[in-house]
Protein backbone atom coordinates (compact mmCIF):
# COMPACT_ATOMS: atom_id res chain seq x y z
CA MET A 1 -57.93 115.30 123.30
CA HIS A 2 -55.51 117.15 121.78
CA LEU A 3 -56.83 119.98 119.46
CA ILE A 4 -55.38 120.21 115.96
CA ARG A 5 -54.55 123.58 115.20
CA ASN A 6 -52.36 123.21 111.78
CA ALA A 7 -53.43 120.63 109.06
CA TYR A 8 -49.79 119.41 108.82
CA GLU A 9 -50.43 117.50 112.15
CA TYR A 10 -52.63 114.87 110.59
CA LEU A 11 -49.71 113.72 108.28
CA GLU A 12 -47.25 113.93 111.86
CA ASN A 13 -50.04 111.97 113.88
CA THR A 14 -50.34 109.34 111.37
CA ALA A 15 -46.80 108.91 110.59
CA LYS A 16 -45.88 108.21 113.80
CA ARG A 17 -49.10 105.42 113.72
CA LEU A 18 -48.22 104.10 110.47
CA PRO A 19 -44.72 104.89 109.13
CA ASP A 20 -44.60 102.30 106.58
CA LYS A 21 -47.97 102.50 105.00
CA VAL A 22 -48.73 103.69 101.77
CA ALA A 23 -50.32 107.03 102.00
CA PHE A 24 -50.41 108.19 97.89
CA ALA A 25 -49.36 106.07 95.04
CA ASP A 26 -49.53 107.22 91.27
CA GLU A 27 -48.68 104.91 88.09
CA LYS A 28 -44.89 105.07 88.96
CA ALA A 29 -44.27 106.05 92.25
CA GLY A 30 -45.62 106.81 95.86
CA PHE A 31 -44.73 107.72 99.52
CA THR A 32 -45.31 105.75 102.58
CA PHE A 33 -46.83 108.09 105.34
CA GLY A 34 -43.13 108.17 106.94
CA GLU A 35 -41.56 108.92 103.85
CA LEU A 36 -44.17 112.28 103.32
CA LEU A 37 -43.23 113.39 106.36
CA SER A 38 -39.36 113.01 106.12
CA TYR A 39 -39.14 114.29 102.40
CA SER A 40 -41.65 117.26 103.31
CA GLN A 41 -39.70 118.43 106.15
CA SER A 42 -36.65 118.31 103.72
CA VAL A 43 -37.89 120.24 100.87
CA GLY A 44 -39.38 122.71 103.67
CA ILE A 45 -36.06 123.40 104.74
CA ALA A 46 -35.07 124.75 101.18
CA ILE A 47 -38.29 126.95 101.35
CA LEU A 48 -37.46 128.55 104.42
CA ASN A 49 -33.64 129.02 102.63
CA VAL A 50 -34.80 131.18 99.51
CA ALA A 51 -38.09 132.92 101.34
CA LYS A 52 -37.90 136.26 101.95
CA SER A 53 -40.76 136.54 104.30
CA SER A 54 -41.99 134.72 107.26
CA ARG A 55 -45.63 134.56 105.85
CA GLY A 56 -46.95 134.04 102.32
CA ILE A 57 -47.77 131.37 99.64
CA VAL A 58 -45.59 128.43 98.08
CA ALA A 59 -46.76 127.82 94.55
CA VAL A 60 -46.66 124.08 93.61
CA ILE A 61 -46.97 122.79 90.08
CA VAL A 62 -49.50 120.04 90.18
CA ASP A 63 -49.99 116.85 87.59
CA ARG A 64 -51.95 113.62 88.56
CA THR A 65 -48.67 112.88 90.74
CA ALA A 66 -47.90 111.79 94.30
CA ILE A 67 -44.98 114.02 94.10
CA SER A 68 -47.56 117.31 93.65
CA LEU A 69 -48.97 116.23 97.10
CA LEU A 70 -45.10 116.35 98.65
CA GLY A 71 -45.34 119.72 97.22
CA PHE A 72 -48.23 120.65 99.38
CA MET A 73 -47.01 118.95 102.54
CA SER A 74 -43.66 120.99 102.35
CA ALA A 75 -45.32 124.28 101.91
CA LEU A 76 -47.07 123.46 104.98
CA SER A 77 -44.13 122.16 106.80
CA ALA A 78 -42.78 125.31 106.86
CA GLY A 79 -45.75 127.34 107.73
CA PHE A 80 -46.80 128.57 104.52
CA ALA A 81 -50.12 128.21 102.64
CA TYR A 82 -49.93 126.18 99.39
CA LEU A 83 -51.16 127.16 95.61
CA PRO A 84 -51.80 124.52 92.84
CA ILE A 85 -50.82 125.42 89.63
CA ASP A 86 -52.20 123.16 87.00
CA SER A 87 -49.23 122.32 84.75
CA LYS A 88 -51.02 122.16 81.59
CA MET A 89 -52.38 125.65 82.35
CA PRO A 90 -51.82 128.34 79.53
CA GLU A 91 -48.65 129.97 80.93
CA THR A 92 -50.62 133.52 80.07
CA ARG A 93 -53.00 132.42 82.99
CA ILE A 94 -50.26 131.09 85.16
CA GLY A 95 -48.64 134.55 85.12
CA GLU A 96 -52.00 136.15 86.26
CA ILE A 97 -52.02 134.00 89.40
CA LEU A 98 -48.48 134.51 90.45
CA SER A 99 -48.59 137.62 89.88
CA GLN A 100 -51.76 138.31 92.07
CA ALA A 101 -50.38 135.71 94.80
CA SER A 102 -46.36 136.66 94.66
CA PRO A 103 -45.19 133.46 95.98
CA VAL A 104 -42.20 133.01 98.08
CA ALA A 105 -41.32 129.85 96.17
CA ILE A 106 -42.20 127.82 93.18
CA LEU A 107 -42.03 124.17 93.70
CA PHE A 108 -41.99 121.80 90.65
CA ALA A 109 -41.29 118.31 89.90
CA GLU A 110 -38.39 117.46 87.71
CA LYS A 111 -40.45 116.79 84.41
CA ASP A 112 -42.00 120.50 84.78
CA ARG A 113 -38.51 121.86 84.73
CA ARG A 114 -38.93 123.71 81.33
CA LEU A 115 -42.01 125.23 82.54
CA ALA A 116 -40.40 126.39 85.72
CA ASP A 117 -37.43 127.58 84.55
CA LYS A 118 -40.16 130.05 82.70
CA LEU A 119 -41.48 131.06 85.66
CA ALA A 120 -38.35 132.03 87.27
CA SER A 121 -39.08 135.65 87.59
CA TYR A 122 -41.88 135.57 89.57
CA ALA A 123 -40.14 133.41 92.52
CA PRO A 124 -37.50 131.29 93.41
CA VAL A 125 -37.78 128.14 91.90
CA LEU A 126 -37.12 124.73 93.69
CA CYS A 127 -37.38 120.97 92.02
CA ILE A 128 -38.98 118.96 94.85
CA GLU A 129 -36.77 115.66 93.52
CA GLU A 130 -33.60 117.67 94.33
CA GLU A 131 -34.50 119.29 97.66
CA MET A 132 -36.02 116.16 99.52
CA LYS A 133 -32.57 114.50 99.66
CA ARG A 134 -31.43 117.89 101.55
CA GLU A 135 -30.57 117.74 105.53
CA THR A 136 -33.72 118.61 107.81
CA ASP A 137 -34.13 120.92 110.87
CA GLU A 138 -37.14 119.52 112.87
CA HIS A 139 -36.68 122.51 115.58
CA LEU A 140 -36.63 125.15 113.07
CA LEU A 141 -39.52 123.64 111.09
CA SER A 142 -41.76 123.24 114.31
CA ALA A 143 -40.84 126.64 115.40
CA ARG A 144 -42.09 128.04 112.08
CA ARG A 145 -45.36 125.83 112.40
CA ASP A 146 -46.14 127.04 116.02
CA ALA A 147 -46.32 130.86 114.63
CA VAL A 148 -49.48 129.73 112.49
CA LEU A 149 -52.43 130.33 113.97
CA ASP A 150 -55.47 128.25 112.84
CA ILE A 151 -57.01 131.14 111.20
CA ASP A 152 -54.01 131.49 108.91
CA PRO A 153 -54.69 130.28 105.24
CA ALA A 154 -53.76 126.53 104.62
CA TYR A 155 -54.51 126.70 101.17
CA VAL A 156 -55.17 128.93 98.09
CA ILE A 157 -57.53 127.94 95.23
CA PHE A 158 -57.48 129.91 92.10
CA THR A 159 -61.01 129.76 90.30
CA SER A 160 -62.37 131.62 87.51
CA GLY A 161 -63.72 135.05 87.94
CA SER A 162 -66.76 136.60 86.32
CA THR A 163 -64.44 139.78 84.87
CA GLY A 164 -62.06 137.23 83.27
CA THR A 165 -59.40 137.45 86.02
CA PRO A 166 -58.62 134.21 87.98
CA LYS A 167 -59.79 135.06 92.09
CA GLY A 168 -57.90 133.11 94.55
CA ILE A 169 -59.77 131.74 97.72
CA LEU A 170 -58.09 131.34 100.71
CA ILE A 171 -58.91 128.66 103.28
CA SER A 172 -58.08 128.35 106.87
CA HIS A 173 -56.22 125.75 108.60
CA ARG A 174 -59.48 125.90 111.17
CA ALA A 175 -61.85 125.61 108.19
CA LEU A 176 -59.73 122.89 106.13
CA ILE A 177 -59.65 120.78 110.00
CA ASP A 178 -63.68 121.49 110.88
CA PHE A 179 -64.43 119.98 107.21
CA THR A 180 -61.98 116.86 107.77
CA GLU A 181 -63.27 116.26 110.71
CA TRP A 182 -67.00 116.34 109.94
CA MET A 183 -66.53 114.29 106.61
CA SER A 184 -64.32 111.76 108.36
CA GLU A 185 -67.61 111.07 111.08
CA THR A 186 -70.33 111.50 108.89
CA CYS A 187 -68.90 109.39 105.71
CA ARG A 188 -67.06 106.67 107.85
CA VAL A 189 -63.61 106.80 106.00
CA GLY A 190 -61.43 104.87 107.97
CA GLU A 191 -57.99 103.36 108.06
CA ASP A 192 -58.89 100.15 106.29
CA ASP A 193 -60.34 102.31 103.19
CA ILE A 194 -58.49 102.42 99.84
CA LEU A 195 -59.44 105.59 98.01
CA GLY A 196 -59.40 106.07 93.93
CA ASN A 197 -58.65 109.72 93.44
CA GLN A 198 -60.35 111.25 90.15
CA ALA A 199 -60.13 114.99 90.87
CA PRO A 200 -57.20 117.15 89.86
CA PHE A 201 -55.21 118.56 92.81
CA TYR A 202 -56.01 122.13 91.58
CA PHE A 203 -59.47 121.23 91.92
CA ASP A 204 -61.07 121.72 95.68
CA LEU A 205 -62.62 118.31 95.44
CA SER A 206 -59.36 116.86 95.86
CA VAL A 207 -59.05 118.20 99.42
CA LYS A 208 -61.45 115.55 100.25
CA ASP A 209 -58.90 112.66 99.13
CA ILE A 210 -55.77 114.21 100.68
CA TYR A 211 -57.08 115.04 104.03
CA GLN A 212 -58.95 111.86 104.97
CA THR A 213 -56.05 109.95 103.80
CA LEU A 214 -53.98 111.93 106.13
CA ARG A 215 -56.17 112.05 108.97
CA ASN A 216 -57.26 108.29 108.88
CA GLY A 217 -54.39 106.66 107.64
CA CYS A 218 -55.97 105.11 104.57
CA THR A 219 -54.40 104.82 101.16
CA THR A 220 -55.07 107.10 97.84
CA HIS A 221 -54.59 105.62 94.29
CA ILE A 222 -54.26 108.50 91.91
CA LEU A 223 -56.19 107.35 88.88
CA PRO A 224 -54.66 108.10 85.56
CA LYS A 225 -56.93 110.52 83.57
CA LYS A 226 -56.70 108.21 80.96
CA LEU A 227 -58.50 105.65 82.39
CA PHE A 228 -61.89 107.67 82.00
CA MET A 229 -61.47 107.18 78.31
CA PHE A 230 -61.30 103.14 78.66
CA PRO A 231 -63.99 102.41 81.44
CA ILE A 232 -63.24 99.02 81.29
CA MET A 233 -59.60 99.67 82.09
CA LEU A 234 -60.80 102.16 84.86
CA VAL A 235 -63.17 98.81 86.50
CA ASP A 236 -60.01 96.70 86.11
CA TYR A 237 -57.57 99.44 87.82
CA LEU A 238 -60.13 99.73 90.83
CA ASN A 239 -60.42 96.09 91.18
CA GLU A 240 -56.96 95.33 91.16
CA ARG A 241 -56.05 97.83 93.88
CA GLY A 242 -59.21 97.15 95.86
CA VAL A 243 -60.44 100.57 96.10
CA THR A 244 -63.45 100.93 98.52
CA SER A 245 -64.40 104.61 98.16
CA LEU A 246 -65.02 107.03 95.22
CA ILE A 247 -64.40 110.41 96.13
CA TRP A 248 -65.48 111.82 92.78
CA ALA A 249 -66.67 114.69 90.71
CA THR A 250 -70.38 114.09 89.72
CA SER A 251 -69.45 114.15 86.25
CA ALA A 252 -66.92 111.45 86.41
CA PHE A 253 -69.41 109.20 87.94
CA ARG A 254 -72.02 110.02 85.26
CA ILE A 255 -69.22 109.28 82.31
CA VAL A 256 -68.70 105.75 83.87
CA ALA A 257 -72.12 105.49 84.08
CA ASP A 258 -73.25 106.18 80.67
CA SER A 259 -70.44 104.28 78.94
CA GLY A 260 -72.20 100.71 78.99
CA VAL A 261 -69.27 99.12 81.05
CA PHE A 262 -71.47 97.39 83.46
CA GLU A 263 -72.63 95.36 80.95
CA LYS A 264 -69.20 93.80 80.78
CA LYS A 265 -67.64 94.31 84.43
CA THR A 266 -68.50 95.66 87.56
CA PRO A 267 -66.30 97.14 90.50
CA THR A 268 -65.94 94.35 92.95
CA THR A 269 -64.78 96.04 95.87
CA VAL A 270 -66.25 99.51 95.80
CA LYS A 271 -68.39 100.37 98.82
CA ARG A 272 -69.02 104.14 98.41
CA ALA A 273 -69.43 107.02 96.02
CA ILE A 274 -69.09 110.43 97.90
CA LEU A 275 -70.31 113.02 94.92
CA GLY A 276 -70.24 116.57 94.09
CA GLY A 277 -69.59 119.48 91.61
CA GLU A 278 -72.72 119.20 89.70
CA ALA A 279 -76.39 118.16 89.82
CA LEU A 280 -76.26 114.39 90.69
CA LEU A 281 -78.96 112.92 88.36
CA ALA A 282 -81.30 109.39 89.97
CA ARG A 283 -80.76 108.11 86.11
CA HIS A 284 -76.93 107.54 86.92
CA VAL A 285 -77.38 106.38 90.57
CA ASN A 286 -79.92 103.59 89.25
CA LEU A 287 -76.91 102.13 86.70
CA TRP A 288 -74.61 102.03 89.40
CA LYS A 289 -76.68 99.89 91.45
CA SER A 290 -77.64 97.78 89.06
CA ALA A 291 -73.97 97.14 89.14
CA VAL A 292 -73.10 97.57 92.94
CA PRO A 293 -76.15 96.95 94.52
CA ASP A 294 -74.91 97.62 97.90
CA ILE A 295 -73.14 101.13 97.25
CA LYS A 296 -73.37 103.77 99.65
CA ILE A 297 -74.28 107.01 98.14
CA THR A 298 -73.85 110.47 99.46
CA ASN A 299 -74.46 113.74 97.42
CA LEU A 300 -72.45 116.69 98.49
CA TYR A 301 -72.98 120.43 97.56
CA GLY A 302 -70.73 123.29 98.11
CA PRO A 303 -68.91 125.95 96.22
CA THR A 304 -64.97 126.66 97.13
CA GLU A 305 -65.70 129.23 99.25
CA VAL A 306 -67.36 127.12 101.80
CA THR A 307 -64.24 124.49 102.50
CA VAL A 308 -65.56 122.32 99.87
CA ASP A 309 -68.85 121.59 100.73
CA CYS A 310 -71.69 122.77 103.23
CA THR A 311 -74.29 120.43 102.56
CA TYR A 312 -74.91 116.52 102.39
CA TYR A 313 -77.59 114.08 101.38
CA ASP A 314 -77.33 110.12 101.97
CA LEU A 315 -79.29 108.06 99.58
CA GLU A 316 -81.10 105.73 101.60
CA ARG A 317 -84.17 105.60 99.55
CA ASP A 318 -84.69 104.50 95.78
CA PHE A 319 -85.22 107.23 93.40
CA ALA A 320 -87.03 107.27 89.92
CA ASP A 321 -84.91 108.18 86.94
CA GLY A 322 -86.43 111.62 86.45
CA GLU A 323 -86.49 111.99 90.46
CA PRO A 324 -84.69 115.56 91.65
CA ILE A 325 -82.10 114.18 94.22
CA PRO A 326 -81.58 116.62 97.11
CA ILE A 327 -78.35 118.22 98.25
CA GLY A 328 -79.84 117.62 101.89
CA LYS A 329 -79.04 119.40 105.11
CA ALA A 330 -76.09 121.67 106.13
CA CYS A 331 -72.98 119.89 107.34
CA LYS A 332 -72.21 120.12 110.82
CA ASN A 333 -70.94 123.69 111.66
CA LYS A 334 -72.34 125.19 109.18
CA GLU A 335 -75.86 126.87 108.42
CA ILE A 336 -77.96 127.14 105.37
CA ILE A 337 -80.09 130.49 105.10
CA LEU A 338 -82.50 130.98 101.93
CA LEU A 339 -82.57 134.75 101.14
CA ASP A 340 -84.77 136.37 98.38
CA GLU A 341 -83.05 139.27 96.54
CA GLU A 342 -83.78 141.67 99.29
CA LEU A 343 -81.98 139.49 101.14
CA LYS A 344 -84.97 138.76 103.28
CA PRO A 345 -85.75 135.03 104.42
CA VAL A 346 -88.17 133.34 101.72
CA ALA A 347 -91.36 131.67 102.67
CA ASP A 348 -91.61 127.82 103.48
CA GLY A 349 -91.06 126.06 100.10
CA GLU A 350 -90.08 128.93 98.16
CA PRO A 351 -86.89 129.38 96.00
CA GLY A 352 -83.88 131.84 97.57
CA GLU A 353 -80.30 131.94 97.39
CA ILE A 354 -78.04 129.53 99.22
CA CYS A 355 -76.66 131.82 101.89
CA VAL A 356 -74.03 129.74 104.09
CA ARG A 357 -72.61 130.67 107.54
CA GLY A 358 -69.88 128.85 109.89
CA ILE A 359 -66.54 128.36 110.57
CA GLY A 360 -65.90 126.91 106.87
CA LEU A 361 -66.26 130.06 104.99
CA ALA A 362 -63.29 131.36 103.04
CA LEU A 363 -61.06 134.47 104.65
CA GLY A 364 -61.91 136.05 101.34
CA TYR A 365 -60.48 136.87 97.76
CA LEU A 366 -56.69 137.41 97.67
CA GLY A 367 -55.97 141.15 97.40
CA ASP A 368 -59.15 141.64 96.47
CA HIS A 369 -61.40 143.22 99.51
CA GLN A 370 -63.82 144.94 97.48
CA LYS A 371 -64.97 141.39 96.00
CA THR A 372 -64.62 139.78 99.54
CA ALA A 373 -67.18 142.34 100.75
CA ALA A 374 -69.36 141.59 98.24
CA ALA A 375 -69.59 137.81 98.55
CA PHE A 376 -68.93 137.42 102.09
CA ILE A 377 -71.62 139.98 103.67
CA GLN A 378 -72.94 140.80 107.28
CA ASN A 379 -75.76 138.25 108.23
CA PRO A 380 -78.68 140.57 107.43
CA LEU A 381 -80.50 138.43 110.03
CA ASN A 382 -78.32 139.48 112.82
CA SER A 383 -77.13 142.89 113.91
CA SER A 384 -75.64 142.32 117.36
CA TYR A 385 -72.06 141.03 116.26
CA PRO A 386 -70.06 140.23 113.24
CA ASP A 387 -71.72 137.17 111.91
CA ARG A 388 -70.51 136.46 107.89
CA LEU A 389 -72.48 134.87 105.39
CA TYR A 390 -71.28 133.63 102.06
CA ARG A 391 -73.82 134.51 99.02
CA THR A 392 -73.44 131.47 96.80
CA GLY A 393 -75.39 132.79 94.06
CA ASP A 394 -77.19 129.09 93.91
CA ILE A 395 -80.98 129.04 94.22
CA ALA A 396 -82.52 126.21 95.97
CA LYS A 397 -86.01 125.35 97.97
CA TYR A 398 -86.98 122.94 100.71
CA ASN A 399 -88.91 119.95 99.56
CA GLU A 400 -91.84 118.42 101.94
CA ASN A 401 -89.55 116.37 103.81
CA GLY A 402 -87.40 119.51 104.84
CA GLU A 403 -84.51 118.51 102.47
CA LEU A 404 -82.90 121.29 100.09
CA ILE A 405 -83.13 121.08 96.40
CA PHE A 406 -80.91 122.55 94.11
CA LEU A 407 -82.74 124.37 91.27
CA SER A 408 -80.09 126.65 89.55
CA ARG A 409 -77.53 129.35 89.36
CA ARG A 410 -78.99 133.02 90.16
CA ASP A 411 -77.29 134.09 86.88
CA ASP A 412 -79.73 131.34 84.95
CA GLN A 413 -82.66 133.06 86.19
CA ILE A 414 -84.28 134.65 82.82
CA LYS A 415 -87.14 136.58 81.54
CA HIS A 416 -88.78 135.32 78.29
CA MET A 417 -92.25 135.50 77.06
CA GLY A 418 -93.15 137.67 79.88
CA TYR A 419 -91.91 134.66 82.45
CA ARG A 420 -89.34 134.48 85.16
CA ILE A 421 -87.41 130.92 84.36
CA GLU A 422 -84.78 129.09 86.03
CA LEU A 423 -82.85 127.43 83.41
CA GLY A 424 -81.79 124.94 85.91
CA GLU A 425 -85.40 123.74 85.96
CA ILE A 426 -85.32 123.01 82.14
CA GLU A 427 -82.06 121.45 82.40
CA THR A 428 -83.49 119.03 85.27
CA ALA A 429 -86.58 118.15 82.89
CA LEU A 430 -84.38 117.48 79.92
CA LEU A 431 -82.10 115.23 81.88
CA ALA A 432 -84.79 112.98 82.56
CA VAL A 433 -85.72 112.25 79.03
CA SER A 434 -84.69 108.79 78.04
CA GLY A 435 -81.54 109.11 75.75
CA VAL A 436 -80.34 112.45 76.58
CA LYS A 437 -76.93 111.79 78.54
CA ALA A 438 -75.95 115.51 79.18
CA GLY A 439 -77.25 118.85 78.10
CA ILE A 440 -77.06 122.34 79.13
CA CYS A 441 -79.46 125.45 78.47
CA PHE A 442 -78.63 129.32 77.68
CA PHE A 443 -80.42 132.08 77.04
CA ASP A 444 -79.97 134.10 73.76
CA SER A 445 -81.62 137.59 75.02
CA ALA A 446 -80.80 139.25 71.55
CA GLU A 447 -83.30 136.69 70.04
CA ASP A 448 -85.16 136.33 73.13
CA GLN A 449 -84.52 132.38 72.48
CA ILE A 450 -83.76 129.45 75.00
CA ILE A 451 -81.12 127.48 73.24
CA CYS A 452 -80.39 123.93 74.22
CA VAL A 453 -77.20 121.89 73.51
CA MET A 454 -77.34 118.01 74.31
CA GLN A 455 -75.64 115.03 74.17
CA THR A 456 -77.66 111.57 73.30
CA GLU A 457 -77.68 107.94 72.50
CA ALA A 458 -76.89 107.52 68.81
CA ASP A 459 -80.47 106.59 68.12
CA ALA A 460 -82.20 109.56 69.85
CA ASP A 461 -83.90 111.94 67.48
CA VAL A 462 -83.95 115.64 68.31
CA GLY A 463 -87.70 115.94 67.53
CA ALA A 464 -88.47 112.96 69.93
CA VAL A 465 -86.94 114.83 72.78
CA ALA A 466 -88.52 117.84 71.92
CA ALA A 467 -91.69 116.30 71.94
CA GLU A 468 -91.04 114.72 75.32
CA MET A 469 -90.20 118.05 76.95
CA LYS A 470 -93.55 119.19 75.95
CA LYS A 471 -94.97 116.86 78.18
CA ARG A 472 -92.52 118.16 81.20
CA VAL A 473 -92.09 121.82 81.04
CA PRO A 474 -94.60 124.48 80.21
CA GLN A 475 -94.91 125.73 76.58
CA TYR A 476 -92.77 128.99 77.60
CA MET A 477 -90.03 126.73 79.27
CA LEU A 478 -89.53 124.93 75.76
CA PRO A 479 -86.05 125.19 74.03
CA ASN A 480 -86.49 127.56 70.66
CA VAL A 481 -83.32 126.08 69.20
CA TRP A 482 -82.06 122.71 69.70
CA ARG A 483 -78.63 121.62 69.14
CA LYS A 484 -77.15 117.77 69.46
CA VAL A 485 -73.09 117.32 69.86
CA ASP A 486 -71.42 113.93 69.78
CA ARG A 487 -69.75 114.54 73.00
CA MET A 488 -69.96 117.21 75.76
CA PRO A 489 -66.93 119.53 76.19
CA LEU A 490 -65.44 119.62 79.66
CA ASN A 491 -63.37 121.96 81.57
CA PRO A 492 -60.46 121.14 83.41
CA ASN A 493 -62.54 120.57 86.68
CA GLY A 494 -64.41 118.05 84.72
CA LYS A 495 -67.55 120.02 84.46
CA ILE A 496 -69.69 120.72 81.23
CA ASP A 497 -67.70 123.84 79.89
CA ARG A 498 -70.99 125.94 79.55
CA LYS A 499 -68.61 128.79 78.57
CA LEU A 500 -67.31 127.24 75.56
CA LEU A 501 -70.60 125.79 74.46
CA LYS A 502 -72.00 129.59 74.52
CA GLU A 503 -69.16 130.88 72.86
CA GLN A 504 -69.30 128.40 70.02
CA TYR A 505 -73.03 129.23 69.50
CA PHE A 506 -72.73 132.88 69.48
CA ASN A 507 -69.67 132.88 67.27
CA GLU A 508 -71.58 130.43 64.44
CA LYS A 509 -74.47 132.76 64.95
CA ASN A 510 -72.47 136.04 64.03
C-alpha cells in the first residue's frame, strides 16, 4: 500500500478515479475532482511565480464557497501550507494575523477584490478566478511537493488567544492524514455519501468535510448559512440534495432540534450525524431521533491543537434527557491521560485535566515558542525520551463504564462560599431543566456571585427554573443572578459567545 506523505495526494488519487464526479458545490457553482486538480495546479504555478521563498504559508480569503477550497488545494499543490482568513473578519484582526503569518501570497475570490486590495501590503494578492486559467507545469509542482515532508505544516488555523492576540496553530500533513484515515475507517464515510457542510472553512471542524470528501470521493454540498435561520428550508435543501451525513458543530445540531421543524418536516435521506465543538445534550439527540429514528450519531471531542478531535463516542444506547453523553475514548493513535494540578495521574473516577499524546498533536503555535512550550509539555510520566503531551485545559473523568465524561474548562473552576466548583457542572444541570434551550454560567469574583444567562421556551419562568435547579445541585452551586435572553449570541465558530455575554453583564453592572 502506498504511504501518503502529502494531503494533496488525496485529491490526485481521487481525481484519477472519479474525474467527473462533483467534489464540492455551493449555491452557485462547484468543482469536479478533475477540475479541482487542474485548476489548483494552475493557481499553484501563479503562487510559485510570486513567492519569494520555497517554504511558508499562503493566506486564503474564504467564504462559504467552493472556490475557497480551490484556494486551499492550490496552496498545497505548490508545496505551501494554507491559512484560512474569514472574509468577514474585522480588517484590524486580519492585519494582526497576516503580520504574524508573513504569507508568501494571498489568494482571493473576485467578490473579495476590494478587501484583497487593502491587504496587498502584506503579500502579493492573486485572484483565484483569474489564475485558474493559467498554463500549468505539473513537473515543477510535483518537484515542489516532493520537497515537502509529512512533518511539515499543511494548514494553519488562527484561534483567539488568552492575551487578546490571535494564535496560529500549525498542523502537519502527517497529523492531518492520520486523522483523516482514522475518521474514514471509524465513521464509515464512503464514496456514496453526500455531506452537508455547515462548519465555516476558517474553523477546523470543516477539515472533516474537506478531507473525507477528497479521500473517499464523496460529494459535499456547502450549506448556505441563511438556511439555519429557516430550518424548514434547510430540511428541504438536505432532502433535495440527498444529504446522507452531517458533520456539524453541536450548536447547529441543537439549533435545528430546538426550532420545532421536526413537527412539520423530517430529513429523509440523513443517516449519520458526526458532531463536535460543544457538549452534546441528550435532549437534542432525542429530538433528532424522534424525527430520524435510525440516525447514527457520533460525539467527537478535541481542540484545534490535536488535529480536530482526539476522542469519540458512538451513541449505541438511549439516553434520558438529563443524562450526560460521554466523549468516549481516544481516537486511534492518540492517548488520553488525566492529570491533576501537579501533573500527576488522578485516581480512578476522579476529575483531571485532559492531556493528549500522539501523532495528531500540532507542531505548535506560529512564531511563539514560549506559548508552545507551556502547552505542549514533556510527558511527566516518561523521562526516557522526548514524548510530547498537549494540555487541553479541559477537565474530565471516567464513569463506571470506563467512558470519558467532559466536565468543564480548567479555568471554569471557581472558589465560591468556600467550595471549589466546576461551572460546567452547573451548566449541565441547567440544560437538563425542561424549558431551558441554552445557558451558560460565569463568576463575578468581586461580588462572589455565580451568574447564569439562559435562553428558554417562551412560557418558561425564571423562578420555576431556579426552583428546579434546587433539586439538581447543592445550595452552594445555585446561581445568584439569573438573566434571560431571547437568543444566545454565537461567535463565528457557531458556539455561544461567552465572552460577549460576560462583557455585557459587567458593562451593565458598572
